[in-house]
Amino acid sequence: MYAIINSGGKQYKVAEGEILRVEKIDGEVGSQVIFNNVLLFSDGENHQLGKPALDNVEVEGHIVEQGKDKKIIVFKYKRRKRYRRTQGHRQEYTAVKINSIKWS
């Protein structure tokens, strides 16, 4: 059984028991998270496709970790113009463990 959810402008395929790293979600470690924007649900035999989202399916999980990714370097360069700019960025993320996928 799996579902495809939309969180932070990205789509993720989730199954029960797996840990998922999504864009930063406000909340403490251990608090519950509910994803209502479910785009597709499959129980192995039957598939339900939302247009754009399913109303009767929700994915529940809890926050495992709040953190930052590794630093990436953003380097801008224009040849022959003496233009160079360096900037670093660390994206914040939330690790969520999927507890259950509920449908009615």
PDB file of N, CA and C in Angstrom:
ATOM      1  N   MET A   1       0.843  -1.165   0.000  1.00  0.00           N
ATOM      2  CA  MET A   1       0.000   0.000   0.000  1.00  0.00           C
ATOM      3  C   MET A   1       0.896   1.239   0.000  1.00  0.00           C
ATOM      4  N   TYR A   2       0.588   2.191  -0.886  1.00  0.00           N
ATOM      5  CA  TYR A   2       1.358   3.415  -0.970  1.00  0.00           C
ATOM      6  C   TYR A   2       0.457   4.557  -1.400  1.00  0.00           C
ATOM      7  N   ALA A   3       0.990   5.775  -1.245  1.00  0.00           N
ATOM      8  CA  ALA A   3       0.273   6.976  -1.663  1.00  0.00           C
ATOM      9  C   ALA A   3       1.295   7.970  -2.204  1.00  0.00           C
ATOM     10  N   ILE A   4       0.811   8.895  -3.016  1.00  0.00           N
ATOM     11  CA  ILE A   4       1.641   9.992  -3.491  1.00  0.00           C
ATOM     12  C   ILE A   4       1.058  11.273  -2.911  1.00  0.00           C
ATOM     13  N   ILE A   5       1.906  11.999  -2.160  1.00  0.00           N
ATOM     14  CA  ILE A   5       1.449  13.214  -1.492  1.00  0.00           C
ATOM     15  C   ILE A   5       2.177  14.416  -2.064  1.00  0.00           C
ATOM     16  N   ASN A   6       1.610  15.584  -1.814  1.00  0.00           N
ATOM     17  CA  ASN A   6       2.218  16.840  -2.224  1.00  0.00           C
ATOM     18  C   ASN A   6       2.548  17.617  -0.959  1.00  0.00           C
ATOM     19  N   SER A   7       3.827  17.979  -0.793  1.00  0.00           N
ATOM     20  CA  SER A   7       4.253  18.755   0.373  1.00  0.00           C
ATOM     21  C   SER A   7       5.393  19.675  -0.037  1.00  0.00           C
ATOM     22  N   GLY A   8       5.257  20.948   0.253  1.00  0.00           N
ATOM     23  CA  GLY A   8       6.310  21.900  -0.065  1.00  0.00           C
ATOM     24  C   GLY A   8       6.530  22.086  -1.554  1.00  0.00           C
ATOM     25  N   GLY A   9       5.504  21.878  -2.367  1.00  0.00           N
ATOM     26  CA  GLY A   9       5.633  22.041  -3.806  1.00  0.00           C
ATOM     27  C   GLY A   9       6.255  20.851  -4.511  1.00  0.00           C
ATOM     28  N   LYS A  10       6.504  19.773  -3.781  1.00  0.00           N
ATOM     29  CA  LYS A  10       7.086  18.567  -4.369  1.00  0.00           C
ATOM     30  C   LYS A  10       6.174  17.381  -4.109  1.00  0.00           C
ATOM     31  N   GLN A  11       6.310  16.348  -4.928  1.00  0.00           N
ATOM     32  CA  GLN A  11       5.501  15.143  -4.775  1.00  0.00           C
ATOM     33  C   GLN A  11       6.381  14.008  -4.275  1.00  0.00           C
ATOM     34  N   TYR A  12       5.853  13.221  -3.329  1.00  0.00           N
ATOM     35  CA  TYR A  12       6.600  12.126  -2.715  1.00  0.00           C
ATOM     36  C   TYR A  12       5.748  10.866  -2.714  1.00  0.00           C
ATOM     37  N   LYS A  13       6.381   9.738  -3.014  1.00  0.00           N
ATOM     38  CA  LYS A  13       5.726   8.434  -2.893  1.00  0.00           C
ATOM     39  C   LYS A  13       6.034   7.915  -1.497  1.00  0.00           C
ATOM     40  N   VAL A  14       4.990   7.607  -0.716  1.00  0.00           N
ATOM     41  CA  VAL A  14       5.178   7.193   0.671  1.00  0.00           C
ATOM     42  C   VAL A  14       4.502   5.850   0.921  1.00  0.00           C
ATOM     43  N   ALA A  15       5.073   5.108   1.843  1.00  0.00           N
ATOM     44  CA  ALA A  15       4.494   3.852   2.311  1.00  0.00           C
ATOM     45  C   ALA A  15       4.601   3.845   3.833  1.00  0.00           C
ATOM     46  N   GLU A  16       3.827   2.984   4.477  1.00  0.00           N
ATOM     47  CA  GLU A  16       3.839   2.925   5.931  1.00  0.00           C
ATOM     48  C   GLU A  16       5.195   2.469   6.444  1.00  0.00           C
ATOM     49  N   GLY A  17       5.687   3.153   7.490  1.00  0.00           N
ATOM     50  CA  GLY A  17       6.925   2.764   8.132  1.00  0.00           C
ATOM     51  C   GLY A  17       8.186   3.410   7.590  1.00  0.00           C
ATOM     52  N   GLU A  18       8.113   4.128   6.473  1.00  0.00           N
ATOM     53  CA  GLU A  18       9.334   4.718   5.936  1.00  0.00           C
ATOM     54  C   GLU A  18       9.527   6.140   6.449  1.00  0.00           C
ATOM     55  N   ILE A  19      10.789   6.589   6.389  1.00  0.00           N
ATOM     56  CA  ILE A  19      11.137   7.940   6.828  1.00  0.00           C
ATOM     57  C   ILE A  19      11.337   8.804   5.593  1.00  0.00           C
ATOM     58  N   LEU A  20      10.722   9.964   5.604  1.00  0.00           N
ATOM     59  CA  LEU A  20      10.664  10.850   4.451  1.00  0.00           C
ATOM     60  C   LEU A  20      11.239  12.208   4.838  1.00  0.00           C
ATOM     61  N   ARG A  21      12.103  12.772   3.987  1.00  0.00           N
ATOM     62  CA  ARG A  21      12.646  14.111   4.234  1.00  0.00           C
ATOM     63  C   ARG A  21      11.945  15.099   3.319  1.00  0.00           C
ATOM     64  N   VAL A  22      11.199  16.020   3.922  1.00  0.00           N
ATOM     65  CA  VAL A  22      10.425  17.014   3.178  1.00  0.00           C
ATOM     66  C   VAL A  22      10.917  18.409   3.533  1.00  0.00           C
ATOM     67  N   GLU A  23      10.399  19.404   2.821  1.00  0.00           N
ATOM     68  CA  GLU A  23      10.695  20.794   3.153  1.00  0.00           C
ATOM     69  C   GLU A  23      10.265  21.071   4.588  1.00  0.00           C
ATOM     70  N   LYS A  24      10.846  22.091   5.200  1.00  0.00           N
ATOM     71  CA  LYS A  24      10.624  22.402   6.604  1.00  0.00           C
ATOM     72  C   LYS A  24       9.140  22.530   6.927  1.00  0.00           C
ATOM     73  N   ILE A  25       8.714  21.797   7.969  1.00  0.00           N
ATOM     74  CA  ILE A  25       7.362  21.872   8.512  1.00  0.00           C
ATOM     75  C   ILE A  25       7.497  22.326   9.957  1.00  0.00           C
ATOM     76  N   ASP A  26       6.699  23.294  10.363  1.00  0.00           N
ATOM     77  CA  ASP A  26       6.748  23.760  11.740  1.00  0.00           C
ATOM     78  C   ASP A  26       6.241  22.680  12.677  1.00  0.00           C
ATOM     79  N   GLY A  27       6.926  22.499  13.802  1.00  0.00           N
ATOM     80  CA  GLY A  27       6.514  21.518  14.801  1.00  0.00           C
ATOM     81  C   GLY A  27       7.704  20.990  15.567  1.00  0.00           C
ATOM     82  N   GLU A  28       7.422  20.440  16.719  1.00  0.00           N
ATOM     83  CA  GLU A  28       8.445  19.850  17.570  1.00  0.00           C
ATOM     84  C   GLU A  28       8.704  18.401  17.154  1.00  0.00           C
ATOM     85  N   VAL A  29       9.869  17.886  17.555  1.00  0.00           N
ATOM     86  CA  VAL A  29      10.177  16.479  17.314  1.00  0.00           C
ATOM     87  C   VAL A  29       9.198  15.636  18.131  1.00  0.00           C
ATOM     88  N   GLY A  30       8.558  14.678  17.484  1.00  0.00           N
ATOM     89  CA  GLY A  30       7.576  13.822  18.126  1.00  0.00           C
ATOM     90  C   GLY A  30       6.138  14.243  17.878  1.00  0.00           C
ATOM     91  N   SER A  31       5.915  15.452  17.373  1.00  0.00           N
ATOM     92  CA  SER A  31       4.547  15.896  17.124  1.00  0.00           C
ATOM     93  C   SER A  31       3.993  15.258  15.857  1.00  0.00           C
ATOM     94  N   GLN A  32       2.677  15.155  15.804  1.00  0.00           N
ATOM     95  CA  GLN A  32       2.003  14.470  14.702  1.00  0.00           C
ATOM     96  C   GLN A  32       1.831  15.404  13.511  1.00  0.00           C
ATOM     97  N   VAL A  33       1.939  14.839  12.300  1.00  0.00           N
ATOM     98  CA  VAL A  33       1.764  15.568  11.048  1.00  0.00           C
ATOM     99  C   VAL A  33       0.745  14.812  10.210  1.00  0.00           C
ATOM    100  N   ILE A  34      -0.190  15.543   9.618  1.00  0.00           N
ATOM    101  CA  ILE A  34      -1.189  14.934   8.736  1.00  0.00           C
ATOM    102  C   ILE A  34      -1.077  15.589   7.363  1.00  0.00           C
ATOM    103  N   PHE A  35      -0.885  14.769   6.335  1.00  0.00           N
ATOM    104  CA  PHE A  35      -0.832  15.236   4.953  1.00  0.00           C
ATOM    105  C   PHE A  35      -2.195  14.975   4.317  1.00  0.00           C
ATOM    106  N   ASN A  36      -2.929  16.057   4.023  1.00  0.00           N
ATOM    107  CA  ASN A  36      -4.263  15.929   3.432  1.00  0.00           C
ATOM    108  C   ASN A  36      -4.229  15.973   1.909  1.00  0.00           C
ATOM    109  N   ASN A  37      -3.171  16.500   1.343  1.00  0.00           N
ATOM    110  CA  ASN A  37      -3.084  16.669  -0.105  1.00  0.00           C
ATOM    111  C   ASN A  37      -2.537  15.391  -0.737  1.00  0.00           C
ATOM    112  N   VAL A  38      -3.376  14.363  -0.838  1.00  0.00           N
ATOM    113  CA  VAL A  38      -2.997  13.063  -1.396  1.00  0.00           C
ATOM    114  C   VAL A  38      -3.439  13.024  -2.857  1.00  0.00           C
ATOM    115  N   LEU A  39      -2.494  12.775  -3.760  1.00  0.00           N
ATOM    116  CA  LEU A  39      -2.783  12.796  -5.192  1.00  0.00           C
ATOM    117  C   LEU A  39      -3.169  11.432  -5.735  1.00  0.00           C
ATOM    118  N   LEU A  40      -2.608  10.360  -5.158  1.00  0.00           N
ATOM    119  CA  LEU A  40      -2.877   9.005  -5.632  1.00  0.00           C
ATOM    120  C   LEU A  40      -2.808   8.060  -4.455  1.00  0.00           C
ATOM    121  N   PHE A  41      -3.654   7.044  -4.473  1.00  0.00           N
ATOM    122  CA  PHE A  41      -3.642   6.017  -3.436  1.00  0.00           C
ATOM    123  C   PHE A  41      -3.763   4.653  -4.096  1.00  0.00           C
ATOM    124  N   SER A  42      -2.952   3.689  -3.621  1.00  0.00           N
ATOM    125  CA  SER A  42      -3.009   2.337  -4.148  1.00  0.00           C
ATOM    126  C   SER A  42      -2.873   1.352  -3.001  1.00  0.00           C
ATOM    127  N   ASP A  43      -3.736   0.333  -2.991  1.00  0.00           N
ATOM    128  CA  ASP A  43      -3.640  -0.716  -1.975  1.00  0.00           C
ATOM    129  C   ASP A  43      -3.108  -2.014  -2.567  1.00  0.00           C
ATOM    130  N   GLY A  44      -2.533  -1.969  -3.751  1.00  0.00           N
ATOM    131  CA  GLY A  44      -1.976  -3.144  -4.397  1.00  0.00           C
ATOM    132  C   GLY A  44      -2.832  -3.623  -5.553  1.00  0.00           C
ATOM    133  N   GLU A  45      -4.133  -3.596  -5.389  1.00  0.00           N
ATOM    134  CA  GLU A  45      -5.040  -4.021  -6.454  1.00  0.00           C
ATOM    135  C   GLU A  45      -5.808  -2.843  -7.036  1.00  0.00           C
ATOM    136  N   ASN A  46      -6.330  -1.995  -6.149  1.00  0.00           N
ATOM    137  CA  ASN A  46      -7.143  -0.860  -6.580  1.00  0.00           C
ATOM    138  C   ASN A  46      -6.329   0.421  -6.519  1.00  0.00           C
ATOM    139  N   HIS A  47      -6.543   1.280  -7.509  1.00  0.00           N
ATOM    140  CA  HIS A  47      -5.856   2.565  -7.552  1.00  0.00           C
ATOM    141  C   HIS A  47      -6.913   3.660  -7.574  1.00  0.00           C
ATOM    142  N   GLN A  48      -6.698   4.701  -6.774  1.00  0.00           N
ATOM    143  CA  GLN A  48      -7.565   5.870  -6.785  1.00  0.00           C
ATOM    144  C   GLN A  48      -6.721   7.075  -7.168  1.00  0.00           C
ATOM    145  N   LEU A  49      -7.150   7.807  -8.166  1.00  0.00           N
ATOM    146  CA  LEU A  49      -6.435   8.973  -8.652  1.00  0.00           C
ATOM    147  C   LEU A  49      -7.285  10.201  -8.399  1.00  0.00           C
ATOM    148  N   GLY A  50      -6.709  11.191  -7.725  1.00  0.00           N
ATOM    149  CA  GLY A  50      -7.437  12.419  -7.436  1.00  0.00           C
ATOM    150  C   GLY A  50      -7.351  13.402  -8.574  1.00  0.00           C
ATOM    151  N   LYS A  51      -8.358  14.263  -8.651  1.00  0.00           N
ATOM    152  CA  LYS A  51      -8.374  15.293  -9.683  1.00  0.00           C
ATOM    153  C   LYS A  51      -8.673  16.622  -9.033  1.00  0.00           C
ATOM    154  N   PRO A  52      -7.762  17.342  -8.458  1.00  0.00           N
ATOM    155  CA  PRO A  52      -6.342  17.072  -8.312  1.00  0.00           C
ATOM    156  C   PRO A  52      -5.992  16.262  -7.064  1.00  0.00           C
ATOM    157  N   ALA A  53      -6.841  16.249  -6.027  1.00  0.00           N
ATOM    158  CA  ALA A  53      -6.502  15.538  -4.791  1.00  0.00           C
ATOM    159  C   ALA A  53      -7.676  14.678  -4.344  1.00  0.00           C
ATOM    160  N   LEU A  54      -7.361  13.680  -3.527  1.00  0.00           N
ATOM    161  CA  LEU A  54      -8.389  12.793  -2.979  1.00  0.00           C
ATOM    162  C   LEU A  54      -8.890  13.362  -1.646  1.00  0.00           C
ATOM    163  N   ASP A  55     -10.207  13.321  -1.457  1.00  0.00           N
ATOM    164  CA  ASP A  55     -10.796  13.856  -0.229  1.00  0.00           C
ATOM    165  C   ASP A  55     -10.845  12.833   0.894  1.00  0.00           C
ATOM    166  N   ASN A  56     -10.944  11.543   0.555  1.00  0.00           N
ATOM    167  CA  ASN A  56     -11.181  10.518   1.568  1.00  0.00           C
ATOM    168  C   ASN A  56      -9.905   9.815   2.030  1.00  0.00           C
ATOM    169  N   VAL A  57      -8.728  10.329   1.684  1.00  0.00           N
ATOM    170  CA  VAL A  57      -7.459   9.697   2.068  1.00  0.00           C
ATOM    171  C   VAL A  57      -6.585  10.721   2.777  1.00  0.00           C
ATOM    172  N   GLU A  58      -5.957  10.286   3.873  1.00  0.00           N
ATOM    173  CA  GLU A  58      -4.967  11.137   4.531  1.00  0.00           C
ATOM    174  C   GLU A  58      -3.821  10.285   5.053  1.00  0.00           C
ATOM    175  N   VAL A  59      -2.642  10.883   5.085  1.00  0.00           N
ATOM    176  CA  VAL A  59      -1.430  10.200   5.514  1.00  0.00           C
ATOM    177  C   VAL A  59      -1.005  10.803   6.849  1.00  0.00           C
ATOM    178  N   GLU A  60      -0.798   9.937   7.851  1.00  0.00           N
ATOM    179  CA  GLU A  60      -0.400  10.388   9.176  1.00  0.00           C
ATOM    180  C   GLU A  60       1.034   9.983   9.460  1.00  0.00           C
ATOM    181  N   GLY A  61       1.748  10.844  10.153  1.00  0.00           N
ATOM    182  CA  GLY A  61       3.118  10.556  10.534  1.00  0.00           C
ATOM    183  C   GLY A  61       3.509  11.390  11.732  1.00  0.00           C
ATOM    184  N   HIS A  62       4.753  11.239  12.168  1.00  0.00           N
ATOM    185  CA  HIS A  62       5.262  12.091  13.238  1.00  0.00           C
ATOM    186  C   HIS A  62       6.674  12.550  12.890  1.00  0.00           C
ATOM    187  N   ILE A  63       7.037  13.709  13.433  1.00  0.00           N
ATOM    188  CA  ILE A  63       8.323  14.323  13.118  1.00  0.00           C
ATOM    189  C   ILE A  63       9.422  13.600  13.880  1.00  0.00           C
ATOM    190  N   VAL A  64      10.441  13.171  13.148  1.00  0.00           N
ATOM    191  CA  VAL A  64      11.580  12.463  13.727  1.00  0.00           C
ATOM    192  C   VAL A  64      12.744  13.419  13.951  1.00  0.00           C
ATOM    193  N   GLU A  65      12.948  14.360  13.019  1.00  0.00           N
ATOM    194  CA  GLU A  65      14.121  15.227  13.081  1.00  0.00           C
ATOM    195  C   GLU A  65      13.847  16.539  12.357  1.00  0.00           C
ATOM    196  N   GLN A  66      14.398  17.625  12.882  1.00  0.00           N
ATOM    197  CA  GLN A  66      14.436  18.914  12.209  1.00  0.00           C
ATOM    198  C   GLN A  66      15.907  19.226  11.972  1.00  0.00           C
ATOM    199  N   GLY A  67      16.280  19.628  10.774  1.00  0.00           N
ATOM    200  CA  GLY A  67      17.695  19.884  10.531  1.00  0.00           C
ATOM    201  C   GLY A  67      17.949  20.678   9.277  1.00  0.00           C
ATOM    202  N   LYS A  68      19.247  20.766   8.923  1.00  0.00           N
ATOM    203  CA  LYS A  68      19.676  21.456   7.715  1.00  0.00           C
ATOM    204  C   LYS A  68      20.513  20.508   6.869  1.00  0.00           C
ATOM    205  N   ASP A  69      20.366  20.622   5.553  1.00  0.00           N
ATOM    206  CA  ASP A  69      21.170  19.828   4.620  1.00  0.00           C
ATOM    207  C   ASP A  69      22.605  20.348   4.583  1.00  0.00           C
ATOM    208  N   LYS A  70      23.427  19.666   3.794  1.00  0.00           N
ATOM    209  CA  LYS A  70      24.788  20.131   3.584  1.00  0.00           C
ATOM    210  C   LYS A  70      24.773  21.451   2.822  1.00  0.00           C
ATOM    211  N   LYS A  71      25.827  22.222   3.005  1.00  0.00           N
ATOM    212  CA  LYS A  71      25.923  23.510   2.335  1.00  0.00           C
ATOM    213  C   LYS A  71      26.198  23.307   0.845  1.00  0.00           C
ATOM    214  N   ILE A  72      25.470  24.068   0.040  1.00  0.00           N
ATOM    215  CA  ILE A  72      25.757  24.093  -1.388  1.00  0.00           C
ATOM    216  C   ILE A  72      26.320  25.473  -1.729  1.00  0.00           C
ATOM    217  N   ILE A  73      27.185  25.526  -2.705  1.00  0.00           N
ATOM    218  CA  ILE A  73      27.817  26.771  -3.125  1.00  0.00           C
ATOM    219  C   ILE A  73      27.131  27.257  -4.405  1.00  0.00           C
ATOM    220  N   VAL A  74      26.671  28.502  -4.383  1.00  0.00           N
ATOM    221  CA  VAL A  74      26.087  29.139  -5.556  1.00  0.00           C
ATOM    222  C   VAL A  74      27.137  30.106  -6.085  1.00  0.00           C
ATOM    223  N   PHE A  75      27.663  29.842  -7.290  1.00  0.00           N
ATOM    224  CA  PHE A  75      28.733  30.651  -7.857  1.00  0.00           C
ATOM    225  C   PHE A  75      28.274  31.238  -9.179  1.00  0.00           C
ATOM    226  N   LYS A  76      28.258  32.572  -9.254  1.00  0.00           N
ATOM    227  CA  LYS A  76      27.881  33.258 -10.480  1.00  0.00           C
ATOM    228  C   LYS A  76      29.144  33.829 -11.115  1.00  0.00           C
ATOM    229  N   TYR A  77      29.241  33.731 -12.444  1.00  0.00           N
ATOM    230  CA  TYR A  77      30.463  34.123 -13.134  1.00  0.00           C
ATOM    231  C   TYR A  77      30.113  34.612 -14.535  1.00  0.00           C
ATOM    232  N   LYS A  78      30.677  35.761 -14.907  1.00  0.00           N
ATOM    233  CA  LYS A  78      30.546  36.258 -16.268  1.00  0.00           C
ATOM    234  C   LYS A  78      31.954  36.419 -16.836  1.00  0.00           C
ATOM    235  N   ARG A  79      32.223  35.725 -17.883  1.00  0.00           N
ATOM    236  CA  ARG A  79      33.577  35.760 -18.433  1.00  0.00           C
ATOM    237  C   ARG A  79      33.892  37.136 -19.026  1.00  0.00           C
ATOM    238  N   ARG A  80      35.150  37.501 -18.925  1.00  0.00           N
ATOM    239  CA  ARG A  80      35.705  38.746 -19.469  1.00  0.00           C
ATOM    240  C   ARG A  80      35.112  40.012 -18.848  1.00  0.00           C
ATOM    241  N   LYS A  81      34.320  39.901 -17.794  1.00  0.00           N
ATOM    242  CA  LYS A  81      33.704  41.084 -17.194  1.00  0.00           C
ATOM    243  C   LYS A  81      34.142  41.310 -15.749  1.00  0.00           C
ATOM    244  N   ARG A  82      35.010  40.436 -15.227  1.00  0.00           N
ATOM    245  CA  ARG A  82      35.467  40.499 -13.837  1.00  0.00           C
ATOM    246  C   ARG A  82      34.309  40.424 -12.850  1.00  0.00           C
ATOM    247  N   TYR A  83      33.333  39.605 -13.171  1.00  0.00           N
ATOM    248  CA  TYR A  83      32.161  39.462 -12.309  1.00  0.00           C
ATOM    249  C   TYR A  83      32.151  38.068 -11.705  1.00  0.00           C
ATOM    250  N   ARG A  84      32.266  37.996 -10.391  1.00  0.00           N
ATOM    251  CA  ARG A  84      32.207  36.728  -9.657  1.00  0.00           C
ATOM    252  C   ARG A  84      31.443  36.963  -8.362  1.00  0.00           C
ATOM    253  N   ARG A  85      30.501  36.101  -8.055  1.00  0.00           N
ATOM    254  CA  ARG A  85      29.755  36.181  -6.803  1.00  0.00           C
ATOM    255  C   ARG A  85      29.645  34.775  -6.234  1.00  0.00           C
ATOM    256  N   THR A  86      29.968  34.635  -4.968  1.00  0.00           N
ATOM    257  CA  THR A  86      29.864  33.346  -4.288  1.00  0.00           C
ATOM    258  C   THR A  86      28.877  33.487  -3.145  1.00  0.00           C
ATOM    259  N   GLN A  87      27.999  32.490  -3.039  1.00  0.00           N
ATOM    260  CA  GLN A  87      27.009  32.498  -1.974  1.00  0.00           C
ATOM    261  C   GLN A  87      26.765  31.062  -1.552  1.00  0.00           C
ATOM    262  N   GLY A  88      26.571  30.831  -0.263  1.00  0.00           N
ATOM    263  CA  GLY A  88      26.275  29.499   0.249  1.00  0.00           C
ATOM    264  C   GLY A  88      24.833  29.400   0.694  1.00  0.00           C
ATOM    265  N   HIS A  89      24.324  28.180   0.739  1.00  0.00           N
ATOM    266  CA  HIS A  89      22.930  27.976   1.148  1.00  0.00           C
ATOM    267  C   HIS A  89      22.785  26.612   1.812  1.00  0.00           C
ATOM    268  N   ARG A  90      22.066  26.576   2.929  1.00  0.00           N
ATOM    269  CA  ARG A  90      21.723  25.315   3.585  1.00  0.00           C
ATOM    270  C   ARG A  90      20.212  25.238   3.714  1.00  0.00           C
ATOM    271  N   GLN A  91      19.614  24.263   3.048  1.00  0.00           N
ATOM    272  CA  GLN A  91      18.164  24.118   3.044  1.00  0.00           C
ATOM    273  C   GLN A  91      17.709  23.395   4.312  1.00  0.00           C
ATOM    274  N   GLU A  92      16.682  23.919   4.957  1.00  0.00           N
ATOM    275  CA  GLU A  92      16.119  23.266   6.135  1.00  0.00           C
ATOM    276  C   GLU A  92      15.178  22.147   5.697  1.00  0.00           C
ATOM    277  N   TYR A  93      15.146  21.075   6.488  1.00  0.00           N
ATOM    278  CA  TYR A  93      14.277  19.949   6.178  1.00  0.00           C
ATOM    279  C   TYR A  93      13.646  19.407   7.449  1.00  0.00           C
ATOM    280  N   THR A  94      12.632  18.589   7.262  1.00  0.00           N
ATOM    281  CA  THR A  94      11.976  17.880   8.348  1.00  0.00           C
ATOM    282  C   THR A  94      11.906  16.408   7.959  1.00  0.00           C
ATOM    283  N   ALA A  95      12.376  15.531   8.845  1.00  0.00           N
ATOM    284  CA  ALA A  95      12.275  14.084   8.614  1.00  0.00           C
ATOM    285  C   ALA A  95      10.993  13.597   9.287  1.00  0.00           C
ATOM    286  N   VAL A  96      10.131  12.939   8.511  1.00  0.00           N
ATOM    287  CA  VAL A  96       8.835  12.478   8.999  1.00  0.00           C
ATOM    288  C   VAL A  96       8.758  10.970   8.817  1.00  0.00           C
ATOM    289  N   LYS A  97       8.372  10.262   9.879  1.00  0.00           N
ATOM    290  CA  LYS A  97       8.122   8.816   9.772  1.00  0.00           C
ATOM    291  C   LYS A  97       6.637   8.614   9.537  1.00  0.00           C
ATOM    292  N   ILE A  98       6.312   7.880   8.483  1.00  0.00           N
ATOM    293  CA  ILE A  98       4.917   7.653   8.100  1.00  0.00           C
ATOM    294  C   ILE A  98       4.345   6.533   8.968  1.00  0.00           C
ATOM    295  N   ASN A  99       3.304   6.863   9.733  1.00  0.00           N
ATOM    296  CA  ASN A  99       2.654   5.887  10.609  1.00  0.00           C
ATOM    297  C   ASN A  99       1.578   5.091   9.881  1.00  0.00           C
ATOM    298  N   SER A 100       0.694   5.786   9.186  1.00  0.00           N
ATOM    299  CA  SER A 100      -0.422   5.088   8.552  1.00  0.00           C
ATOM    300  C   SER A 100      -0.959   5.884   7.379  1.00  0.00           C
ATOM    301  N   ILE A 101      -1.618   5.151   6.490  1.00  0.00           N
ATOM    302  CA  ILE A 101      -2.352   5.741   5.375  1.00  0.00           C
ATOM    303  C   ILE A 101      -3.801   5.332   5.574  1.00  0.00           C
ATOM    304  N   LYS A 102      -4.657   6.320   5.804  1.00  0.00           N
ATOM    305  CA  LYS A 102      -6.073   6.042   6.116  1.00  0.00           C
ATOM    306  C   LYS A 102      -6.956   6.460   4.964  1.00  0.00           C
ATOM    307  N   TRP A 103      -7.910   5.621   4.628  1.00  0.00           N
ATOM    308  CA  TRP A 103      -8.902   5.951   3.618  1.00  0.00           C
ATOM    309  C   TRP A 103     -10.265   5.478   4.106  1.00  0.00           C
ATOM    310  N   SER A 104     -11.291   6.109   3.569  1.00  0.00           N
ATOM    311  CA  SER A 104     -12.656   5.736   3.973  1.00  0.00           C
ATOM    312  C   SER A 104     -13.548   5.566   2.769  1.00  0.00           C
TER     313      SER A 104
END
